[in-house]
Amino acid sequence: MIENKKKPNPIDIHVGSRIRLRRTMLGMSQEKLGESLGITFQQIQKYEKGTNRVGASRLQNISSILNVPVSFFFEDAPGDSTTGPSGMAEASSSNYVVDFLSSSEGLQLNRAFVKISDPKVRRKLVDLVKALAAEAEAE
């Protein structure tokens, strides 16, 4: 049996996942992003899965709507050799952030945290989370 289905390019998958990450960070629906671009939410789904490739002008529009530079969508892309061997630790830490913000809890925490305007309250919250994490490790 011959497999006719073409697999998405890893870069297209990565760019799509970064679109999804930024869109969800902003609390924007696929429908809202699609409306802003004049396309259907199904097309946004295809972009986010990497099934359909995002053209250059469309990516420029998406970056404008999501308020990030176009380069955001290519950060930590597979096969990205722009970061030398010294960039390994940095790459894994940014993957951790992406994984965290891709989770439901991480996204909720991030959205709530940025709404806290008092820096002292933010600091106390960070201290609380650190204390809870240390307590969990000790068990």
C-alpha atoms as a PDB file:
ATOM      1  CA  MET A   1       0.000   0.000   0.000  1.00  0.00           C
ATOM      2  CA  ILE A   2       1.348   3.400  -0.984  1.00  0.00           C
ATOM      3  CA  GLU A   3       0.894   6.243   1.489  1.00  0.00           C
ATOM      4  CA  ASN A   4      -0.396   9.230  -0.486  1.00  0.00           C
ATOM      5  CA  LYS A   5      -0.963  11.503   2.477  1.00  0.00           C
ATOM      6  CA  LYS A   6       1.782  14.097   2.653  1.00  0.00           C
ATOM      7  CA  LYS A   7       3.175  14.677   6.128  1.00  0.00           C
ATOM      8  CA  PRO A   8       3.348  18.288   7.322  1.00  0.00           C
ATOM      9  CA  ASN A   9       6.773  19.899   7.313  1.00  0.00           C
ATOM     10  CA  PRO A  10       8.263  20.153  10.847  1.00  0.00           C
ATOM     11  CA  ILE A  11       8.725  23.914  10.386  1.00  0.00           C
ATOM     12  CA  ASP A  12       5.057  24.336   9.416  1.00  0.00           C
ATOM     13  CA  ILE A  13       4.053  22.351  12.525  1.00  0.00           C
ATOM     14  CA  HIS A  14       6.333  24.508  14.685  1.00  0.00           C
ATOM     15  CA  VAL A  15       5.063  27.805  13.246  1.00  0.00           C
ATOM     16  CA  GLY A  16       1.484  26.586  13.728  1.00  0.00           C
ATOM     17  CA  SER A  17       2.123  25.640  17.343  1.00  0.00           C
ATOM     18  CA  ARG A  18       3.634  29.077  17.988  1.00  0.00           C
ATOM     19  CA  ILE A  19       0.559  30.735  16.446  1.00  0.00           C
ATOM     20  CA  ARG A  20      -1.631  28.633  18.749  1.00  0.00           C
ATOM     21  CA  LEU A  21       0.569  29.440  21.768  1.00  0.00           C
ATOM     22  CA  ARG A  22       0.411  33.196  21.218  1.00  0.00           C
ATOM     23  CA  ARG A  23      -3.301  33.151  20.364  1.00  0.00           C
ATOM     24  CA  THR A  24      -4.147  31.245  23.549  1.00  0.00           C
ATOM     25  CA  MET A  25      -1.850  33.468  25.624  1.00  0.00           C
ATOM     26  CA  LEU A  26      -3.971  36.397  24.479  1.00  0.00           C
ATOM     27  CA  GLY A  27      -7.193  34.500  25.154  1.00  0.00           C
ATOM     28  CA  MET A  28      -8.188  34.832  21.506  1.00  0.00           C
ATOM     29  CA  SER A  29     -10.367  32.208  19.818  1.00  0.00           C
ATOM     30  CA  GLN A  30      -9.564  30.636  16.448  1.00  0.00           C
ATOM     31  CA  GLU A  31     -12.756  32.229  15.179  1.00  0.00           C
ATOM     32  CA  LYS A  32     -11.664  35.740  16.261  1.00  0.00           C
ATOM     33  CA  LEU A  33      -8.228  35.339  14.644  1.00  0.00           C
ATOM     34  CA  GLY A  34      -9.872  34.006  11.490  1.00  0.00           C
ATOM     35  CA  GLU A  35     -12.305  36.948  11.368  1.00  0.00           C
ATOM     36  CA  SER A  36      -9.403  39.391  11.733  1.00  0.00           C
ATOM     37  CA  LEU A  37      -7.713  37.724   8.756  1.00  0.00           C
ATOM     38  CA  GLY A  38     -10.875  37.265   6.689  1.00  0.00           C
ATOM     39  CA  ILE A  39     -10.643  33.451   6.791  1.00  0.00           C
ATOM     40  CA  THR A  40     -12.489  30.631   8.576  1.00  0.00           C
ATOM     41  CA  PHE A  41     -11.551  29.190  11.951  1.00  0.00           C
ATOM     42  CA  GLN A  42     -11.085  25.857  10.143  1.00  0.00           C
ATOM     43  CA  GLN A  43      -8.249  27.443   8.170  1.00  0.00           C
ATOM     44  CA  ILE A  44      -6.706  28.642  11.451  1.00  0.00           C
ATOM     45  CA  GLN A  45      -6.947  25.035  12.730  1.00  0.00           C
ATOM     46  CA  LYS A  46      -5.105  23.805   9.652  1.00  0.00           C
ATOM     47  CA  TYR A  47      -2.376  26.422  10.152  1.00  0.00           C
ATOM     48  CA  GLU A  48      -2.021  25.527  13.834  1.00  0.00           C
ATOM     49  CA  LYS A  49      -1.711  21.798  13.078  1.00  0.00           C
ATOM     50  CA  GLY A  50       0.800  22.466  10.287  1.00  0.00           C
ATOM     51  CA  THR A  51      -1.542  20.832   7.754  1.00  0.00           C
ATOM     52  CA  ASN A  52      -1.569  24.022   5.695  1.00  0.00           C
ATOM     53  CA  ARG A  53       1.491  26.204   5.242  1.00  0.00           C
ATOM     54  CA  VAL A  54       1.178  29.867   6.262  1.00  0.00           C
ATOM     55  CA  GLY A  55       2.227  32.219   3.478  1.00  0.00           C
ATOM     56  CA  ALA A  56       4.602  35.107   4.156  1.00  0.00           C
ATOM     57  CA  SER A  57       2.018  37.907   3.868  1.00  0.00           C
ATOM     58  CA  ARG A  58      -0.478  35.985   6.005  1.00  0.00           C
ATOM     59  CA  LEU A  59       2.197  35.336   8.661  1.00  0.00           C
ATOM     60  CA  GLN A  60       2.971  39.062   8.651  1.00  0.00           C
ATOM     61  CA  ASN A  61      -0.739  39.793   9.238  1.00  0.00           C
ATOM     62  CA  ILE A  62      -0.926  37.187  12.012  1.00  0.00           C
ATOM     63  CA  SER A  63       2.137  38.665  13.726  1.00  0.00           C
ATOM     64  CA  SER A  64       0.514  42.102  13.617  1.00  0.00           C
ATOM     65  CA  ILE A  65      -2.803  40.842  15.035  1.00  0.00           C
ATOM     66  CA  LEU A  66      -1.061  38.806  17.763  1.00  0.00           C
ATOM     67  CA  ASN A  67       1.341  41.686  18.486  1.00  0.00           C
ATOM     68  CA  VAL A  68       4.606  39.758  18.111  1.00  0.00           C
ATOM     69  CA  PRO A  69       7.444  39.996  15.589  1.00  0.00           C
ATOM     70  CA  VAL A  70       7.401  37.419  12.764  1.00  0.00           C
ATOM     71  CA  SER A  71      10.583  35.924  14.268  1.00  0.00           C
ATOM     72  CA  PHE A  72       8.501  34.801  17.287  1.00  0.00           C
ATOM     73  CA  PHE A  73       6.988  32.026  15.175  1.00  0.00           C
ATOM     74  CA  PHE A  74      10.423  30.604  14.332  1.00  0.00           C
ATOM     75  CA  GLU A  75      11.982  30.656  17.811  1.00  0.00           C
ATOM     76  CA  ASP A  76      13.323  27.178  18.715  1.00  0.00           C
ATOM     77  CA  ALA A  77      12.312  25.851  15.292  1.00  0.00           C
ATOM     78  CA  PRO A  78      13.552  22.356  14.394  1.00  0.00           C
ATOM     79  CA  GLY A  79      16.871  22.469  12.571  1.00  0.00           C
ATOM     80  CA  ASP A  80      17.509  26.038  13.714  1.00  0.00           C
ATOM     81  CA  SER A  81      21.292  26.258  13.664  1.00  0.00           C
ATOM     82  CA  THR A  82      21.480  29.977  14.458  1.00  0.00           C
ATOM     83  CA  THR A  83      22.063  29.174  18.125  1.00  0.00           C
ATOM     84  CA  GLY A  84      25.440  27.564  18.584  1.00  0.00           C
ATOM     85  CA  PRO A  85      26.369  24.868  21.076  1.00  0.00           C
ATOM     86  CA  SER A  86      26.302  27.424  23.889  1.00  0.00           C
ATOM     87  CA  GLY A  87      22.595  28.003  23.291  1.00  0.00           C
ATOM     88  CA  MET A  88      21.518  24.531  24.423  1.00  0.00           C
ATOM     89  CA  ALA A  89      20.620  25.463  27.993  1.00  0.00           C
ATOM     90  CA  GLU A  90      18.725  28.498  26.812  1.00  0.00           C
ATOM     91  CA  ALA A  91      16.765  26.481  24.238  1.00  0.00           C
ATOM     92  CA  SER A  92      15.653  23.915  26.806  1.00  0.00           C
ATOM     93  CA  SER A  93      14.548  26.627  29.230  1.00  0.00           C
ATOM     94  CA  SER A  94      12.443  28.338  26.564  1.00  0.00           C
ATOM     95  CA  ASN A  95      10.920  24.941  25.655  1.00  0.00           C
ATOM     96  CA  TYR A  96       9.956  24.617  29.318  1.00  0.00           C
ATOM     97  CA  VAL A  97       8.197  27.983  29.138  1.00  0.00           C
ATOM     98  CA  VAL A  98       6.370  26.976  25.949  1.00  0.00           C
ATOM     99  CA  ASP A  99       5.310  23.673  27.557  1.00  0.00           C
ATOM    100  CA  PHE A 100       4.131  25.529  30.673  1.00  0.00           C
ATOM    101  CA  LEU A 101       2.134  28.107  28.714  1.00  0.00           C
ATOM    102  CA  SER A 102       0.664  25.365  26.524  1.00  0.00           C
ATOM    103  CA  SER A 103      -0.855  23.692  29.575  1.00  0.00           C
ATOM    104  CA  SER A 104      -4.287  24.756  30.807  1.00  0.00           C
ATOM    105  CA  GLU A 105      -2.994  25.504  34.325  1.00  0.00           C
ATOM    106  CA  GLY A 106       0.006  27.454  33.064  1.00  0.00           C
ATOM    107  CA  LEU A 107      -2.145  29.553  30.801  1.00  0.00           C
ATOM    108  CA  GLN A 108      -4.666  30.300  33.573  1.00  0.00           C
ATOM    109  CA  LEU A 109      -1.889  31.158  36.011  1.00  0.00           C
ATOM    110  CA  ASN A 110      -0.186  33.440  33.501  1.00  0.00           C
ATOM    111  CA  ARG A 111      -3.397  35.288  32.624  1.00  0.00           C
ATOM    112  CA  ALA A 112      -4.291  35.833  36.274  1.00  0.00           C
ATOM    113  CA  PHE A 113      -0.731  36.802  37.270  1.00  0.00           C
ATOM    114  CA  VAL A 114      -0.386  39.554  34.654  1.00  0.00           C
ATOM    115  CA  LYS A 115      -3.618  41.137  35.937  1.00  0.00           C
ATOM    116  CA  ILE A 116      -2.011  41.742  39.356  1.00  0.00           C
ATOM    117  CA  SER A 117      -0.758  45.316  39.227  1.00  0.00           C
ATOM    118  CA  ASP A 118       0.894  45.516  42.679  1.00  0.00           C
ATOM    119  CA  PRO A 119       4.536  44.348  42.389  1.00  0.00           C
ATOM    120  CA  LYS A 120       4.620  43.436  46.113  1.00  0.00           C
ATOM    121  CA  VAL A 121       1.649  41.106  45.709  1.00  0.00           C
ATOM    122  CA  ARG A 122       3.305  39.542  42.645  1.00  0.00           C
ATOM    123  CA  ARG A 123       6.523  39.000  44.610  1.00  0.00           C
ATOM    124  CA  LYS A 124       4.630  37.392  47.515  1.00  0.00           C
ATOM    125  CA  LEU A 125       2.847  35.100  45.078  1.00  0.00           C
ATOM    126  CA  VAL A 126       6.153  33.996  43.555  1.00  0.00           C
ATOM    127  CA  ASP A 127       7.516  33.371  47.057  1.00  0.00           C
ATOM    128  CA  LEU A 128       4.408  31.321  47.910  1.00  0.00           C
ATOM    129  CA  VAL A 129       4.755  29.156  44.791  1.00  0.00           C
ATOM    130  CA  LYS A 130       8.460  28.603  45.510  1.00  0.00           C
ATOM    131  CA  ALA A 131       7.651  27.599  49.105  1.00  0.00           C
ATOM    132  CA  LEU A 132       4.950  25.171  47.924  1.00  0.00           C
ATOM    133  CA  ALA A 133       7.332  23.665  45.359  1.00  0.00           C
ATOM    134  CA  ALA A 134      10.075  23.239  47.988  1.00  0.00           C
ATOM    135  CA  GLU A 135       7.562  21.610  50.335  1.00  0.00           C
ATOM    136  CA  ALA A 136       6.476  19.188  47.597  1.00  0.00           C
ATOM    137  CA  GLU A 137      10.129  18.256  46.878  1.00  0.00           C
ATOM    138  CA  ALA A 138      10.802  17.575  50.566  1.00  0.00           C
ATOM    139  CA  GLU A 139       8.011  14.988  50.756  1.00  0.00           C
END
